[in-house]
Amino acid sequence: MADKDDTRTWPELAIRLYDKLTGRGAEITYDFEDFEVYVPSKVGDDADHAHWKMDGTLKIRTEDDKS
C-alpha cells in the first residue's frame, strides 16, 4: 500500500480511514443541509470534477470481525 503521504485515489483514502477507525468502536456522523461539493477525478490541475449535492445524514460505522 502507498505511503500515507502518497494517497492518490478515493479507494486509498477509504482504506486508510477504515484502517484508522477499525477496532476503536468509532462512529462518524455528518449532517448536511444543502451541501454541494465538486469531487475531483484525480490529483492535478487537469482533473474533471463531479458535482455532488447532499442533504441529510451520512453515518460511517466500523467494527472488527468478531470471529
C-alpha atoms as a PDB file:
ATOM      1  CA  MET A   1       0.000   0.000   0.000  1.00  0.00           C
ATOM      2  CA  ALA A   2       1.188   3.544  -0.700  1.00  0.00           C
ATOM      3  CA  ASP A   3       2.784   5.680   1.981  1.00  0.00           C
ATOM      4  CA  LYS A   4       0.275   7.822   3.898  1.00  0.00           C
ATOM      5  CA  ASP A   5       1.633  10.954   2.249  1.00  0.00           C
ATOM      6  CA  ASP A   6       1.151   9.377  -1.191  1.00  0.00           C
ATOM      7  CA  THR A   7      -2.622   8.735  -1.155  1.00  0.00           C
ATOM      8  CA  ARG A   8      -3.845   9.474  -4.665  1.00  0.00           C
ATOM      9  CA  THR A   9      -7.260   7.825  -5.071  1.00  0.00           C
ATOM     10  CA  TRP A  10     -10.615   7.732  -3.279  1.00  0.00           C
ATOM     11  CA  PRO A  11     -10.290   3.975  -2.601  1.00  0.00           C
ATOM     12  CA  GLU A  12      -6.863   4.518  -0.983  1.00  0.00           C
ATOM     13  CA  LEU A  13      -8.354   7.241   1.202  1.00  0.00           C
ATOM     14  CA  ALA A  14     -11.273   4.998   2.206  1.00  0.00           C
ATOM     15  CA  ILE A  15      -8.902   2.144   3.081  1.00  0.00           C
ATOM     16  CA  ARG A  16      -6.782   4.457   5.235  1.00  0.00           C
ATOM     17  CA  LEU A  17      -9.859   5.788   7.037  1.00  0.00           C
ATOM     18  CA  TYR A  18     -11.143   2.246   7.680  1.00  0.00           C
ATOM     19  CA  ASP A  19      -7.722   1.077   8.893  1.00  0.00           C
ATOM     20  CA  LYS A  20      -7.535   4.024  11.285  1.00  0.00           C
ATOM     21  CA  LEU A  21     -11.019   3.508  12.766  1.00  0.00           C
ATOM     22  CA  THR A  22     -11.427  -0.273  12.806  1.00  0.00           C
ATOM     23  CA  GLY A  23     -11.414  -1.767  16.253  1.00  0.00           C
ATOM     24  CA  ARG A  24     -11.969   1.523  18.018  1.00  0.00           C
ATOM     25  CA  GLY A  25     -15.761   1.403  18.103  1.00  0.00           C
ATOM     26  CA  ALA A  26     -15.745   4.575  16.060  1.00  0.00           C
ATOM     27  CA  GLU A  27     -18.760   6.234  14.526  1.00  0.00           C
ATOM     28  CA  ILE A  28     -18.587   9.360  12.414  1.00  0.00           C
ATOM     29  CA  THR A  29     -21.793  11.251  11.716  1.00  0.00           C
ATOM     30  CA  TYR A  30     -22.040  14.071   9.204  1.00  0.00           C
ATOM     31  CA  ASP A  31     -25.203  16.185   8.859  1.00  0.00           C
ATOM     32  CA  PHE A  32     -25.588  18.045   5.570  1.00  0.00           C
ATOM     33  CA  GLU A  33     -28.002  20.819   4.722  1.00  0.00           C
ATOM     34  CA  ASP A  34     -27.917  21.838   1.055  1.00  0.00           C
ATOM     35  CA  PHE A  35     -24.223  20.965   0.887  1.00  0.00           C
ATOM     36  CA  GLU A  36     -22.517  20.974  -2.516  1.00  0.00           C
ATOM     37  CA  VAL A  37     -19.038  19.774  -3.350  1.00  0.00           C
ATOM     38  CA  TYR A  38     -17.066  19.277  -6.556  1.00  0.00           C
ATOM     39  CA  VAL A  39     -15.189  15.972  -6.269  1.00  0.00           C
ATOM     40  CA  PRO A  40     -12.020  15.712  -8.381  1.00  0.00           C
ATOM     41  CA  SER A  41     -11.449  12.637 -10.530  1.00  0.00           C
ATOM     42  CA  LYS A  42      -7.713  12.706  -9.809  1.00  0.00           C
ATOM     43  CA  VAL A  43      -4.932  14.804  -8.351  1.00  0.00           C
ATOM     44  CA  GLY A  44      -3.803  17.703 -10.526  1.00  0.00           C
ATOM     45  CA  ASP A  45      -4.948  20.869 -12.226  1.00  0.00           C
ATOM     46  CA  ASP A  46      -6.428  18.976 -15.188  1.00  0.00           C
ATOM     47  CA  ALA A  47      -8.854  16.869 -13.085  1.00  0.00           C
ATOM     48  CA  ASP A  48     -12.518  16.637 -14.030  1.00  0.00           C
ATOM     49  CA  HIS A  49     -14.992  17.292 -11.210  1.00  0.00           C
ATOM     50  CA  ALA A  50     -18.247  15.578 -10.286  1.00  0.00           C
ATOM     51  CA  HIS A  51     -20.865  17.850  -8.702  1.00  0.00           C
ATOM     52  CA  TRP A  52     -22.388  16.224  -5.590  1.00  0.00           C
ATOM     53  CA  LYS A  53     -25.356  17.647  -3.692  1.00  0.00           C
ATOM     54  CA  MET A  54     -26.124  16.328  -0.208  1.00  0.00           C
ATOM     55  CA  ASP A  55     -28.972  16.962   2.188  1.00  0.00           C
ATOM     56  CA  GLY A  56     -29.366  14.639   5.157  1.00  0.00           C
ATOM     57  CA  THR A  57     -27.192  12.455   7.364  1.00  0.00           C
ATOM     58  CA  LEU A  58     -24.284  10.215   6.439  1.00  0.00           C
ATOM     59  CA  LYS A  59     -23.076   7.771   9.108  1.00  0.00           C
ATOM     60  CA  ILE A  60     -19.888   5.749   8.893  1.00  0.00           C
ATOM     61  CA  ARG A  61     -19.523   2.950  11.432  1.00  0.00           C
ATOM     62  CA  THR A  62     -16.681   0.467  11.812  1.00  0.00           C
ATOM     63  CA  GLU A  63     -16.401  -2.790  13.685  1.00  0.00           C
ATOM     64  CA  ASP A  64     -13.794  -5.560  13.730  1.00  0.00           C
ATOM     65  CA  ASP A  65     -14.713  -9.074  12.690  1.00  0.00           C
ATOM     66  CA  LYS A  66     -15.643 -10.806  15.955  1.00  0.00           C
ATOM     67  CA  SER A  67     -14.874 -14.317  14.765  1.00  0.00           C
END
